[in-house]
Amino acid sequence: MSEALSLAALRLAPVTSQNIDAVCAVQVRPDQSHLVSPVMKSLAEAYAHGEVAWPRAVVDGGEVVGFVMAFLDIPWNPVEDPADVRSGIWRLNIDAAHQGKGYGRFAVGAVLEEIRSRGTDRAYVCWDTGEHTPEPFYLGFGFTPTGELSGGQRVGVFALAPSPGS
């Protein structure tokens, strides 16, 4: 992580009436905009799927630097395997001005910790492949491709260690 990044100042915060404008202002780089939905769409999806969506602002001190949304306990393919219930990262948007500073790594780690604290032993993420995609980021973080595709995107899994005291 960048030396300028202070872990003590980083947190995930619920999206509220006080920070929604700053959250909605998060914009990825133009070369990434076709790879990730805008925050506004994510918030609409969170509203429509409130029982499984976990949207959060990525905050450094008092500044919103990104947005992350997890999915929690969704039936992955209920027709083929009703017992396959998964949690993972649904969306990650780090503002273009704040990329390359460790905020994405922090956000993913914080989401994985939230999922782990709920007793889940694996977390999932999907990504597009090709130029300027987040694939190297997720592989470098430790996600492993499952061999599955979801909506044309590669599916990756991350094994979570049990919570201390579990």
C-alpha atoms as a PDB file:
ATOM      1  CA  MET A   1       0.000   0.000   0.000  1.00  0.00           C
ATOM      2  CA  SER A   2       1.064   3.566  -0.574  1.00  0.00           C
ATOM      3  CA  GLU A   3       2.945   5.199   2.283  1.00  0.00           C
ATOM      4  CA  ALA A   4       0.476   8.093   2.094  1.00  0.00           C
ATOM      5  CA  LEU A   5      -2.400   5.733   2.897  1.00  0.00           C
ATOM      6  CA  SER A   6      -3.225   5.683   6.594  1.00  0.00           C
ATOM      7  CA  LEU A   7      -5.035   2.503   7.553  1.00  0.00           C
ATOM      8  CA  ALA A   8      -6.373   4.203  10.676  1.00  0.00           C
ATOM      9  CA  ALA A   9      -8.280   6.703   8.531  1.00  0.00           C
ATOM     10  CA  LEU A  10      -9.809   4.097   6.194  1.00  0.00           C
ATOM     11  CA  ARG A  11     -13.251   2.646   6.689  1.00  0.00           C
ATOM     12  CA  LEU A  12     -16.301   1.380   4.903  1.00  0.00           C
ATOM     13  CA  ALA A  13     -19.358   3.444   5.725  1.00  0.00           C
ATOM     14  CA  PRO A  14     -23.035   2.906   4.953  1.00  0.00           C
ATOM     15  CA  VAL A  15     -24.402   5.091   2.173  1.00  0.00           C
ATOM     16  CA  THR A  16     -26.503   7.756   3.882  1.00  0.00           C
ATOM     17  CA  SER A  17     -28.231  11.035   3.089  1.00  0.00           C
ATOM     18  CA  GLN A  18     -25.065  12.769   4.336  1.00  0.00           C
ATOM     19  CA  ASN A  19     -22.658  11.064   1.906  1.00  0.00           C
ATOM     20  CA  ILE A  20     -24.808   9.995  -1.054  1.00  0.00           C
ATOM     21  CA  ASP A  21     -23.761  12.921  -3.271  1.00  0.00           C
ATOM     22  CA  ALA A  22     -20.067  12.158  -2.711  1.00  0.00           C
ATOM     23  CA  VAL A  23     -20.684   8.430  -3.288  1.00  0.00           C
ATOM     24  CA  CYS A  24     -22.546   9.124  -6.544  1.00  0.00           C
ATOM     25  CA  ALA A  25     -19.712  11.400  -7.690  1.00  0.00           C
ATOM     26  CA  VAL A  26     -17.257   8.454  -7.713  1.00  0.00           C
ATOM     27  CA  GLN A  27     -16.103   7.951 -11.323  1.00  0.00           C
ATOM     28  CA  VAL A  28     -13.660   5.311 -12.574  1.00  0.00           C
ATOM     29  CA  ARG A  29     -11.201   6.076 -15.375  1.00  0.00           C
ATOM     30  CA  PRO A  30     -12.756   6.450 -18.844  1.00  0.00           C
ATOM     31  CA  ASP A  31     -10.979   3.289 -20.049  1.00  0.00           C
ATOM     32  CA  GLN A  32     -12.684   1.363 -17.232  1.00  0.00           C
ATOM     33  CA  SER A  33     -16.209   2.742 -17.561  1.00  0.00           C
ATOM     34  CA  HIS A  34     -17.350  -0.102 -19.835  1.00  0.00           C
ATOM     35  CA  LEU A  35     -16.198  -2.667 -17.248  1.00  0.00           C
ATOM     36  CA  VAL A  36     -18.087  -1.542 -14.157  1.00  0.00           C
ATOM     37  CA  SER A  37     -21.533  -0.038 -13.702  1.00  0.00           C
ATOM     38  CA  PRO A  38     -21.785   3.488 -12.341  1.00  0.00           C
ATOM     39  CA  VAL A  39     -22.461   3.904  -8.639  1.00  0.00           C
ATOM     40  CA  MET A  40     -25.992   5.163  -9.368  1.00  0.00           C
ATOM     41  CA  LYS A  41     -26.905   1.826 -10.978  1.00  0.00           C
ATOM     42  CA  SER A  42     -25.338  -0.047  -8.074  1.00  0.00           C
ATOM     43  CA  LEU A  43     -27.419   1.922  -5.585  1.00  0.00           C
ATOM     44  CA  ALA A  44     -30.566   1.176  -7.598  1.00  0.00           C
ATOM     45  CA  GLU A  45     -29.639  -2.519  -7.569  1.00  0.00           C
ATOM     46  CA  ALA A  46     -28.988  -2.329  -3.835  1.00  0.00           C
ATOM     47  CA  TYR A  47     -32.458  -0.856  -3.343  1.00  0.00           C
ATOM     48  CA  ALA A  48     -34.068  -3.527  -5.529  1.00  0.00           C
ATOM     49  CA  HIS A  49     -32.089  -6.353  -3.889  1.00  0.00           C
ATOM     50  CA  GLY A  50     -31.927  -4.963  -0.363  1.00  0.00           C
ATOM     51  CA  GLU A  51     -31.996  -8.363   1.294  1.00  0.00           C
ATOM     52  CA  VAL A  52     -28.704  -9.429  -0.322  1.00  0.00           C
ATOM     53  CA  ALA A  53     -26.929  -6.159  -1.212  1.00  0.00           C
ATOM     54  CA  TRP A  54     -24.378  -4.552   1.114  1.00  0.00           C
ATOM     55  CA  PRO A  55     -23.379  -1.157  -0.400  1.00  0.00           C
ATOM     56  CA  ARG A  56     -20.633   0.871   1.288  1.00  0.00           C
ATOM     57  CA  ALA A  57     -18.688   4.058   0.716  1.00  0.00           C
ATOM     58  CA  VAL A  58     -14.914   3.724   0.868  1.00  0.00           C
ATOM     59  CA  VAL A  59     -13.854   6.603   3.094  1.00  0.00           C
ATOM     60  CA  ASP A  60     -10.398   7.981   3.866  1.00  0.00           C
ATOM     61  CA  GLY A  61     -10.698  10.345   6.813  1.00  0.00           C
ATOM     62  CA  GLY A  62     -13.722  12.361   5.775  1.00  0.00           C
ATOM     63  CA  GLU A  63     -13.356  11.906   2.008  1.00  0.00           C
ATOM     64  CA  VAL A  64     -15.272   9.380  -0.078  1.00  0.00           C
ATOM     65  CA  VAL A  65     -12.707   7.780  -2.418  1.00  0.00           C
ATOM     66  CA  GLY A  66     -14.712   4.850  -3.715  1.00  0.00           C
ATOM     67  CA  PHE A  67     -17.681   2.536  -3.523  1.00  0.00           C
ATOM     68  CA  VAL A  68     -17.931  -1.180  -2.910  1.00  0.00           C
ATOM     69  CA  MET A  69     -20.966  -3.431  -2.793  1.00  0.00           C
ATOM     70  CA  ALA A  70     -21.094  -7.004  -1.587  1.00  0.00           C
ATOM     71  CA  PHE A  71     -23.718  -9.626  -2.228  1.00  0.00           C
ATOM     72  CA  LEU A  72     -24.578 -11.744   0.774  1.00  0.00           C
ATOM     73  CA  ASP A  73     -26.030 -15.243   0.755  1.00  0.00           C
ATOM     74  CA  ILE A  74     -27.506 -15.387  -2.728  1.00  0.00           C
ATOM     75  CA  PRO A  75     -28.615 -18.637  -4.333  1.00  0.00           C
ATOM     76  CA  TRP A  76     -26.017 -18.847  -7.137  1.00  0.00           C
ATOM     77  CA  ASN A  77     -27.830 -21.200  -9.501  1.00  0.00           C
ATOM     78  CA  PRO A  78     -30.966 -22.345  -7.682  1.00  0.00           C
ATOM     79  CA  VAL A  79     -32.185 -24.546 -10.554  1.00  0.00           C
ATOM     80  CA  GLU A  80     -28.983 -26.615 -10.792  1.00  0.00           C
ATOM     81  CA  ASP A  81     -27.950 -26.530  -7.127  1.00  0.00           C
ATOM     82  CA  PRO A  82     -30.310 -24.947  -4.574  1.00  0.00           C
ATOM     83  CA  ALA A  83     -27.719 -25.487  -1.827  1.00  0.00           C
ATOM     84  CA  ASP A  84     -25.091 -23.334  -3.603  1.00  0.00           C
ATOM     85  CA  VAL A  85     -25.414 -20.056  -1.694  1.00  0.00           C
ATOM     86  CA  ARG A  86     -22.632 -17.507  -2.175  1.00  0.00           C
ATOM     87  CA  SER A  87     -21.368 -14.169  -0.923  1.00  0.00           C
ATOM     88  CA  GLY A  88     -18.833 -11.893  -2.533  1.00  0.00           C
ATOM     89  CA  ILE A  89     -17.953  -8.634  -4.198  1.00  0.00           C
ATOM     90  CA  TRP A  90     -20.650  -7.348  -6.511  1.00  0.00           C
ATOM     91  CA  ARG A  91     -19.167  -3.989  -7.449  1.00  0.00           C
ATOM     92  CA  LEU A  92     -15.940  -2.060  -6.821  1.00  0.00           C
ATOM     93  CA  ASN A  93     -15.517   1.526  -8.022  1.00  0.00           C
ATOM     94  CA  ILE A  94     -12.470   3.495  -6.906  1.00  0.00           C
ATOM     95  CA  ASP A  95     -12.517   7.084  -8.104  1.00  0.00           C
ATOM     96  CA  ALA A  96     -10.039   7.722 -10.920  1.00  0.00           C
ATOM     97  CA  ALA A  97      -8.221  10.360  -8.857  1.00  0.00           C
ATOM     98  CA  HIS A  98      -7.644   7.826  -6.064  1.00  0.00           C
ATOM     99  CA  GLN A  99      -6.640   4.684  -7.964  1.00  0.00           C
ATOM    100  CA  GLY A 100      -3.272   3.080  -7.364  1.00  0.00           C
ATOM    101  CA  LYS A 101      -3.176   4.153  -3.719  1.00  0.00           C
ATOM    102  CA  GLY A 102      -4.366   0.935  -2.055  1.00  0.00           C
ATOM    103  CA  TYR A 103      -8.037   1.853  -1.639  1.00  0.00           C
ATOM    104  CA  GLY A 104      -9.265  -1.054  -3.770  1.00  0.00           C
ATOM    105  CA  ARG A 105      -7.136  -3.511  -1.806  1.00  0.00           C
ATOM    106  CA  PHE A 106      -8.477  -2.080   1.446  1.00  0.00           C
ATOM    107  CA  ALA A 107     -12.101  -2.248   0.236  1.00  0.00           C
ATOM    108  CA  VAL A 108     -11.817  -5.847  -0.945  1.00  0.00           C
ATOM    109  CA  GLY A 109     -10.117  -6.864   2.303  1.00  0.00           C
ATOM    110  CA  ALA A 110     -12.815  -5.165   4.375  1.00  0.00           C
ATOM    111  CA  VAL A 111     -15.588  -6.888   2.407  1.00  0.00           C
ATOM    112  CA  LEU A 112     -13.852 -10.246   2.798  1.00  0.00           C
ATOM    113  CA  GLU A 113     -13.622  -9.647   6.540  1.00  0.00           C
ATOM    114  CA  GLU A 114     -17.352  -8.818   6.694  1.00  0.00           C
ATOM    115  CA  ILE A 115     -18.193 -11.992   4.797  1.00  0.00           C
ATOM    116  CA  ARG A 116     -15.864 -14.062   6.994  1.00  0.00           C
ATOM    117  CA  SER A 117     -17.427 -12.590  10.151  1.00  0.00           C
ATOM    118  CA  ARG A 118     -20.789 -13.931   8.949  1.00  0.00           C
ATOM    119  CA  GLY A 119     -19.405 -17.480   9.012  1.00  0.00           C
ATOM    120  CA  THR A 120     -18.765 -17.954   5.314  1.00  0.00           C
ATOM    121  CA  ASP A 121     -15.619 -19.783   4.210  1.00  0.00           C
ATOM    122  CA  ARG A 122     -15.430 -18.530   0.603  1.00  0.00           C
ATOM    123  CA  ALA A 123     -16.028 -15.257  -1.196  1.00  0.00           C
ATOM    124  CA  TYR A 124     -16.604 -14.738  -4.906  1.00  0.00           C
ATOM    125  CA  VAL A 125     -16.102 -12.031  -7.496  1.00  0.00           C
ATOM    126  CA  CYS A 126     -16.702 -11.789 -11.244  1.00  0.00           C
ATOM    127  CA  TRP A 127     -14.641  -9.808 -13.728  1.00  0.00           C
ATOM    128  CA  ASP A 128     -14.303  -9.181 -17.433  1.00  0.00           C
ATOM    129  CA  THR A 129     -11.121 -10.309 -19.125  1.00  0.00           C
ATOM    130  CA  GLY A 130      -8.983  -8.331 -21.553  1.00  0.00           C
ATOM    131  CA  GLU A 131      -7.239  -4.980 -21.565  1.00  0.00           C
ATOM    132  CA  HIS A 132      -7.678  -2.632 -18.566  1.00  0.00           C
ATOM    133  CA  THR A 133      -9.763  -5.186 -16.654  1.00  0.00           C
ATOM    134  CA  PRO A 134      -9.456  -5.815 -12.924  1.00  0.00           C
ATOM    135  CA  GLU A 135      -8.339  -9.408 -13.539  1.00  0.00           C
ATOM    136  CA  PRO A 136      -4.679  -8.822 -12.511  1.00  0.00           C
ATOM    137  CA  PHE A 137      -5.875  -7.043  -9.358  1.00  0.00           C
ATOM    138  CA  TYR A 138      -8.150  -9.895  -8.268  1.00  0.00           C
ATOM    139  CA  LEU A 139      -5.625 -12.605  -9.166  1.00  0.00           C
ATOM    140  CA  GLY A 140      -2.921 -10.680  -7.286  1.00  0.00           C
ATOM    141  CA  PHE A 141      -5.218 -10.395  -4.291  1.00  0.00           C
ATOM    142  CA  GLY A 142      -5.542 -14.171  -4.205  1.00  0.00           C
ATOM    143  CA  PHE A 143      -8.766 -14.946  -6.049  1.00  0.00           C
ATOM    144  CA  THR A 144      -8.619 -18.126  -8.116  1.00  0.00           C
ATOM    145  CA  PRO A 145     -10.731 -18.638 -11.251  1.00  0.00           C
ATOM    146  CA  THR A 146     -13.373 -21.324 -10.694  1.00  0.00           C
ATOM    147  CA  GLY A 147     -13.748 -22.129 -14.394  1.00  0.00           C
ATOM    148  CA  GLU A 148     -17.301 -20.743 -14.311  1.00  0.00           C
ATOM    149  CA  LEU A 149     -18.699 -17.798 -16.216  1.00  0.00           C
ATOM    150  CA  SER A 150     -21.455 -15.544 -14.937  1.00  0.00           C
ATOM    151  CA  GLY A 151     -22.968 -13.172 -17.464  1.00  0.00           C
ATOM    152  CA  GLY A 152     -19.887 -13.679 -19.628  1.00  0.00           C
ATOM    153  CA  GLN A 153     -17.549 -12.741 -16.774  1.00  0.00           C
ATOM    154  CA  ARG A 154     -14.924 -14.981 -15.185  1.00  0.00           C
ATOM    155  CA  VAL A 155     -15.808 -16.121 -11.652  1.00  0.00           C
ATOM    156  CA  GLY A 156     -13.113 -16.138  -8.972  1.00  0.00           C
ATOM    157  CA  VAL A 157     -13.139 -17.539  -5.454  1.00  0.00           C
ATOM    158  CA  PHE A 158     -11.161 -16.610  -2.348  1.00  0.00           C
ATOM    159  CA  ALA A 159     -10.814 -19.056   0.552  1.00  0.00           C
ATOM    160  CA  LEU A 160     -11.510 -17.342   3.881  1.00  0.00           C
ATOM    161  CA  ALA A 161      -9.846 -18.491   7.084  1.00  0.00           C
ATOM    162  CA  PRO A 162     -12.275 -19.084   9.951  1.00  0.00           C
ATOM    163  CA  SER A 163     -12.937 -16.160  12.305  1.00  0.00           C
ATOM    164  CA  PRO A 164     -10.855 -16.252  15.478  1.00  0.00           C
ATOM    165  CA  GLY A 165     -12.811 -18.096  18.143  1.00  0.00           C
ATOM    166  CA  SER A 166     -14.931 -19.985  15.580  1.00  0.00           C
END
